[in-house]
Amino acid sequence: MRGTMAILLGGVLAGGTAACVNVSAPDKPIVINLNINVTQEVVYRLDNEAKSLIKQNPGIF
């Protein structure tokens, strides 16, 4: 009986606090400052066969 009463009392207290939530828009606009620095490094390697094909046919590229 005591456990049931505690559960009921806890439920009533939890239900009473649910109505206290207030959501409103801020007076000032929200400002988000983002400093993003993106760098990309491209590394390419050609095998010997590709190098020789490019040297033999320079007009292709």
PDB file of N, CA and C in Angstrom:
ATOM      1  N   MET A   1       0.821  -1.194   0.000  1.00  0.00           N
ATOM      2  CA  MET A   1       0.000   0.000   0.000  1.00  0.00           C
ATOM      3  C   MET A   1       0.866   1.260   0.000  1.00  0.00           C
ATOM      4  N   ARG A   2       1.922   1.218   0.761  1.00  0.00           N
ATOM      5  CA  ARG A   2       2.806   2.380   0.851  1.00  0.00           C
ATOM      6  C   ARG A   2       3.492   2.656  -0.489  1.00  0.00           C
ATOM      7  N   GLY A   3       3.894   1.565  -1.197  1.00  0.00           N
ATOM      8  CA  GLY A   3       4.533   1.708  -2.505  1.00  0.00           C
ATOM      9  C   GLY A   3       3.580   2.275  -3.545  1.00  0.00           C
ATOM     10  N   THR A   4       2.327   1.858  -3.504  1.00  0.00           N
ATOM     11  CA  THR A   4       1.328   2.366  -4.436  1.00  0.00           C
ATOM     12  C   THR A   4       1.087   3.849  -4.211  1.00  0.00           C
ATOM     13  N   MET A   5       1.046   4.238  -2.953  1.00  0.00           N
ATOM     14  CA  MET A   5       0.827   5.647  -2.619  1.00  0.00           C
ATOM     15  C   MET A   5       2.001   6.508  -3.109  1.00  0.00           C
ATOM     16  N   ALA A   6       3.224   5.974  -2.981  1.00  0.00           N
ATOM     17  CA  ALA A   6       4.403   6.721  -3.430  1.00  0.00           C
ATOM     18  C   ALA A   6       4.384   6.881  -4.954  1.00  0.00           C
ATOM     19  N   ILE A   7       3.974   5.833  -5.650  1.00  0.00           N
ATOM     20  CA  ILE A   7       3.901   5.913  -7.114  1.00  0.00           C
ATOM     21  C   ILE A   7       2.858   6.928  -7.538  1.00  0.00           C
ATOM     22  N   LEU A   8       1.700   6.923  -6.900  1.00  0.00           N
ATOM     23  CA  LEU A   8       0.647   7.893  -7.235  1.00  0.00           C
ATOM     24  C   LEU A   8       1.091   9.325  -6.950  1.00  0.00           C
ATOM     25  N   LEU A   9       1.747   9.509  -5.817  1.00  0.00           N
ATOM     26  CA  LEU A   9       2.222  10.848  -5.455  1.00  0.00           C
ATOM     27  C   LEU A   9       3.284  11.329  -6.442  1.00  0.00           C
ATOM     28  N   GLY A  10       4.168  10.421  -6.849  1.00  0.00           N
ATOM     29  CA  GLY A  10       5.193  10.775  -7.835  1.00  0.00           C
ATOM     30  C   GLY A  10       4.570  11.140  -9.171  1.00  0.00           C
ATOM     31  N   GLY A  11       3.528  10.424  -9.572  1.00  0.00           N
ATOM     32  CA  GLY A  11       2.839  10.736 -10.820  1.00  0.00           C
ATOM     33  C   GLY A  11       2.165  12.089 -10.780  1.00  0.00           C
ATOM     34  N   VAL A  12       1.566  12.436  -9.659  1.00  0.00           N
ATOM     35  CA  VAL A  12       0.908  13.740  -9.511  1.00  0.00           C
ATOM     36  C   VAL A  12       1.940  14.863  -9.561  1.00  0.00           C
ATOM     37  N   LEU A  13       3.076  14.660  -8.897  1.00  0.00           N
ATOM     38  CA  LEU A  13       4.119  15.692  -8.903  1.00  0.00           C
ATOM     39  C   LEU A  13       4.715  15.864 -10.300  1.00  0.00           C
ATOM     40  N   ALA A  14       4.911  14.762 -11.000  1.00  0.00           N
ATOM     41  CA  ALA A  14       5.464  14.844 -12.356  1.00  0.00           C
ATOM     42  C   ALA A  14       4.467  15.516 -13.299  1.00  0.00           C
ATOM     43  N   GLY A  15       3.201  15.235 -13.137  1.00  0.00           N
ATOM     44  CA  GLY A  15       2.179  15.870 -13.971  1.00  0.00           C
ATOM     45  C   GLY A  15       2.049  17.350 -13.686  1.00  0.00           C
ATOM     46  N   GLY A  16       2.278  17.759 -12.467  1.00  0.00           N
ATOM     47  CA  GLY A  16       2.191  19.172 -12.101  1.00  0.00           C
ATOM     48  C   GLY A  16       3.313  20.005 -12.675  1.00  0.00           C
ATOM     49  N   THR A  17       4.478  19.410 -12.881  1.00  0.00           N
ATOM     50  CA  THR A  17       5.602  20.174 -13.432  1.00  0.00           C
ATOM     51  C   THR A  17       5.551  20.247 -14.955  1.00  0.00           C
ATOM     52  N   ALA A  18       4.749  19.439 -15.592  1.00  0.00           N
ATOM     53  CA  ALA A  18       4.688  19.428 -17.049  1.00  0.00           C
ATOM     54  C   ALA A  18       4.111  20.722 -17.601  1.00  0.00           C
ATOM     55  N   ALA A  19       3.263  21.396 -16.874  1.00  0.00           N
ATOM     56  CA  ALA A  19       2.629  22.614 -17.352  1.00  0.00           C
ATOM     57  C   ALA A  19       3.532  23.838 -17.199  1.00  0.00           C
ATOM     58  N   CYS A  20       4.689  23.697 -16.594  1.00  0.00           N
ATOM     59  CA  CYS A  20       5.571  24.840 -16.336  1.00  0.00           C
ATOM     60  C   CYS A  20       6.514  25.153 -17.492  1.00  0.00           C
ATOM     61  N   VAL A  21       6.475  24.394 -18.547  1.00  0.00           N
ATOM     62  CA  VAL A  21       7.385  24.613 -19.675  1.00  0.00           C
ATOM     63  C   VAL A  21       6.858  25.755 -20.529  1.00  0.00           C
ATOM     64  N   ASN A  22       7.730  26.743 -20.806  1.00  0.00           N
ATOM     65  CA  ASN A  22       7.339  27.908 -21.594  1.00  0.00           C
ATOM     66  C   ASN A  22       8.331  28.066 -22.746  1.00  0.00           C
ATOM     67  N   VAL A  23       7.823  28.102 -23.965  1.00  0.00           N
ATOM     68  CA  VAL A  23       8.669  28.270 -25.144  1.00  0.00           C
ATOM     69  C   VAL A  23       8.298  29.595 -25.800  1.00  0.00           C
ATOM     70  N   SER A  24       9.308  30.471 -25.965  1.00  0.00           N
ATOM     71  CA  SER A  24       9.041  31.763 -26.599  1.00  0.00           C
ATOM     72  C   SER A  24      10.226  32.134 -27.481  1.00  0.00           C
ATOM     73  N   ALA A  25       9.967  32.963 -28.482  1.00  0.00           N
ATOM     74  CA  ALA A  25      11.018  33.411 -29.395  1.00  0.00           C
ATOM     75  C   ALA A  25      11.885  34.456 -28.698  1.00  0.00           C
ATOM     76  N   PRO A  26      13.192  34.460 -28.991  1.00  0.00           N
ATOM     77  CA  PRO A  26      14.072  35.464 -28.379  1.00  0.00           C
ATOM     78  C   PRO A  26      13.813  36.860 -28.956  1.00  0.00           C
ATOM     79  N   ASP A  27      14.155  37.883 -28.171  1.00  0.00           N
ATOM     80  CA  ASP A  27      13.983  39.265 -28.615  1.00  0.00           C
ATOM     81  C   ASP A  27      14.968  39.633 -29.719  1.00  0.00           C
ATOM     82  N   LYS A  28      16.200  39.152 -29.602  1.00  0.00           N
ATOM     83  CA  LYS A  28      17.243  39.458 -30.577  1.00  0.00           C
ATOM     84  C   LYS A  28      17.429  38.261 -31.502  1.00  0.00           C
ATOM     85  N   PRO A  29      17.869  38.497 -32.742  1.00  0.00           N
ATOM     86  CA  PRO A  29      18.104  37.368 -33.653  1.00  0.00           C
ATOM     87  C   PRO A  29      19.279  36.508 -33.175  1.00  0.00           C
ATOM     88  N   ILE A  30      19.231  35.259 -33.510  1.00  0.00           N
ATOM     89  CA  ILE A  30      20.300  34.337 -33.147  1.00  0.00           C
ATOM     90  C   ILE A  30      21.434  34.494 -34.156  1.00  0.00           C
ATOM     91  N   VAL A  31      22.646  34.698 -33.667  1.00  0.00           N
ATOM     92  CA  VAL A  31      23.818  34.882 -34.520  1.00  0.00           C
ATOM     93  C   VAL A  31      24.735  33.688 -34.322  1.00  0.00           C
ATOM     94  N   ILE A  32      25.115  33.058 -35.425  1.00  0.00           N
ATOM     95  CA  ILE A  32      26.026  31.925 -35.373  1.00  0.00           C
ATOM     96  C   ILE A  32      27.270  32.292 -36.175  1.00  0.00           C
ATOM     97  N   ASN A  33      28.396  32.347 -35.506  1.00  0.00           N
ATOM     98  CA  ASN A  33      29.667  32.658 -36.166  1.00  0.00           C
ATOM     99  C   ASN A  33      30.403  31.353 -36.449  1.00  0.00           C
ATOM    100  N   LEU A  34      30.686  31.128 -37.714  1.00  0.00           N
ATOM    101  CA  LEU A  34      31.420  29.928 -38.106  1.00  0.00           C
ATOM    102  C   LEU A  34      32.696  30.333 -38.816  1.00  0.00           C
ATOM    103  N   ASN A  35      33.792  29.905 -38.292  1.00  0.00           N
ATOM    104  CA  ASN A  35      35.086  30.107 -38.945  1.00  0.00           C
ATOM    105  C   ASN A  35      35.538  28.749 -39.453  1.00  0.00           C
ATOM    106  N   ILE A  36      35.364  28.526 -40.739  1.00  0.00           N
ATOM    107  CA  ILE A  36      35.692  27.236 -41.328  1.00  0.00           C
ATOM    108  C   ILE A  36      36.796  27.435 -42.350  1.00  0.00           C
ATOM    109  N   ASN A  37      37.835  26.678 -42.203  1.00  0.00           N
ATOM    110  CA  ASN A  37      38.952  26.728 -43.134  1.00  0.00           C
ATOM    111  C   ASN A  37      39.073  25.352 -43.781  1.00  0.00           C
ATOM    112  N   VAL A  38      38.835  25.298 -45.063  1.00  0.00           N
ATOM    113  CA  VAL A  38      38.894  24.033 -45.786  1.00  0.00           C
ATOM    114  C   VAL A  38      40.089  24.071 -46.728  1.00  0.00           C
ATOM    115  N   THR A  39      40.969  23.142 -46.548  1.00  0.00           N
ATOM    116  CA  THR A  39      42.109  23.022 -47.450  1.00  0.00           C
ATOM    117  C   THR A  39      42.105  21.612 -48.019  1.00  0.00           C
ATOM    118  N   GLN A  40      42.476  21.527 -49.250  1.00  0.00           N
ATOM    119  CA  GLN A  40      42.507  20.234 -49.915  1.00  0.00           C
ATOM    120  C   GLN A  40      43.841  20.089 -50.620  1.00  0.00           C
ATOM    121  N   GLU A  41      44.403  18.933 -50.497  1.00  0.00           N
ATOM    122  CA  GLU A  41      45.675  18.657 -51.131  1.00  0.00           C
ATOM    123  C   GLU A  41      45.462  17.477 -52.075  1.00  0.00           C
ATOM    124  N   VAL A  42      45.814  17.678 -53.314  1.00  0.00           N
ATOM    125  CA  VAL A  42      45.658  16.627 -54.316  1.00  0.00           C
ATOM    126  C   VAL A  42      47.037  16.104 -54.665  1.00  0.00           C
ATOM    127  N   VAL A  43      47.200  14.822 -54.492  1.00  0.00           N
ATOM    128  CA  VAL A  43      48.471  14.176 -54.805  1.00  0.00           C
ATOM    129  C   VAL A  43      48.193  13.148 -55.892  1.00  0.00           C
ATOM    130  N   TYR A  44      48.956  13.221 -56.968  1.00  0.00           N
ATOM    131  CA  TYR A  44      48.759  12.249 -58.043  1.00  0.00           C
ATOM    132  C   TYR A  44      50.090  11.578 -58.359  1.00  0.00           C
ATOM    133  N   ARG A  45      49.968  10.345 -58.747  1.00  0.00           N
ATOM    134  CA  ARG A  45      51.145   9.570 -59.132  1.00  0.00           C
ATOM    135  C   ARG A  45      50.828   8.856 -60.438  1.00  0.00           C
ATOM    136  N   LEU A  46      51.773   8.840 -61.336  1.00  0.00           N
ATOM    137  CA  LEU A  46      51.620   8.114 -62.592  1.00  0.00           C
ATOM    138  C   LEU A  46      52.616   6.966 -62.611  1.00  0.00           C
ATOM    139  N   ASP A  47      52.152   5.820 -63.026  1.00  0.00           N
ATOM    140  CA  ASP A  47      53.101   4.713 -63.147  1.00  0.00           C
ATOM    141  C   ASP A  47      53.940   4.909 -64.413  1.00  0.00           C
ATOM    142  N   ASN A  48      54.950   4.121 -64.526  1.00  0.00           N
ATOM    143  CA  ASN A  48      55.907   4.300 -65.630  1.00  0.00           C
ATOM    144  C   ASN A  48      55.255   4.126 -66.990  1.00  0.00           C
ATOM    145  N   GLU A  49      54.316   3.198 -67.107  1.00  0.00           N
ATOM    146  CA  GLU A  49      53.667   2.962 -68.399  1.00  0.00           C
ATOM    147  C   GLU A  49      52.848   4.195 -68.814  1.00  0.00           C
ATOM    148  N   ALA A  50      52.153   4.795 -67.893  1.00  0.00           N
ATOM    149  CA  ALA A  50      51.371   5.989 -68.216  1.00  0.00           C
ATOM    150  C   ALA A  50      52.288   7.148 -68.589  1.00  0.00           C
ATOM    151  N   LYS A  51      53.401   7.285 -67.882  1.00  0.00           N
ATOM    152  CA  LYS A  51      54.349   8.355 -68.213  1.00  0.00           C
ATOM    153  C   LYS A  51      54.886   8.192 -69.626  1.00  0.00           C
ATOM    154  N   SER A  52      55.209   6.968 -69.984  1.00  0.00           N
ATOM    155  CA  SER A  52      55.761   6.753 -71.331  1.00  0.00           C
ATOM    156  C   SER A  52      54.699   6.993 -72.405  1.00  0.00           C
ATOM    157  N   LEU A  53      53.436   6.652 -72.133  1.00  0.00           N
ATOM    158  CA  LEU A  53      52.365   6.919 -73.094  1.00  0.00           C
ATOM    159  C   LEU A  53      52.157   8.418 -73.291  1.00  0.00           C
ATOM    160  N   ILE A  54      52.254   9.169 -72.226  1.00  0.00           N
ATOM    161  CA  ILE A  54      52.096  10.625 -72.329  1.00  0.00           C
ATOM    162  C   ILE A  54      53.258  11.221 -73.119  1.00  0.00           C
ATOM    163  N   LYS A  55      54.466  10.727 -72.876  1.00  0.00           N
ATOM    164  CA  LYS A  55      55.626  11.239 -73.618  1.00  0.00           C
ATOM    165  C   LYS A  55      55.531  10.894 -75.105  1.00  0.00           C
ATOM    166  N   GLN A  56      55.006   9.723 -75.430  1.00  0.00           N
ATOM    167  CA  GLN A  56      54.897   9.303 -76.827  1.00  0.00           C
ATOM    168  C   GLN A  56      53.785  10.064 -77.556  1.00  0.00           C
ATOM    169  N   ASN A  57      52.720  10.447 -76.832  1.00  0.00           N
ATOM    170  CA  ASN A  57      51.568  11.129 -77.434  1.00  0.00           C
ATOM    171  C   ASN A  57      51.295  12.445 -76.698  1.00  0.00           C
ATOM    172  N   PRO A  58      52.132  13.454 -76.889  1.00  0.00           N
ATOM    173  CA  PRO A  58      51.942  14.696 -76.130  1.00  0.00           C
ATOM    174  C   PRO A  58      50.685  15.481 -76.546  1.00  0.00           C
ATOM    175  N   GLY A  59      50.148  15.241 -77.713  1.00  0.00           N
ATOM    176  CA  GLY A  59      48.979  15.978 -78.178  1.00  0.00           C
ATOM    177  C   GLY A  59      47.674  15.499 -77.566  1.00  0.00           C
ATOM    178  N   ILE A  60      47.684  14.361 -76.892  1.00  0.00           N
ATOM    179  CA  ILE A  60      46.448  13.824 -76.297  1.00  0.00           C
ATOM    180  C   ILE A  60      45.972  14.722 -75.154  1.00  0.00           C
ATOM    181  N   PHE A  61      46.921  15.172 -74.363  1.00  0.00           N
ATOM    182  CA  PHE A  61      46.548  15.985 -73.210  1.00  0.00           C
ATOM    183  C   PHE A  61      46.812  17.417 -73.546  1.00  0.00           C
TER     184      PHE A  61
END
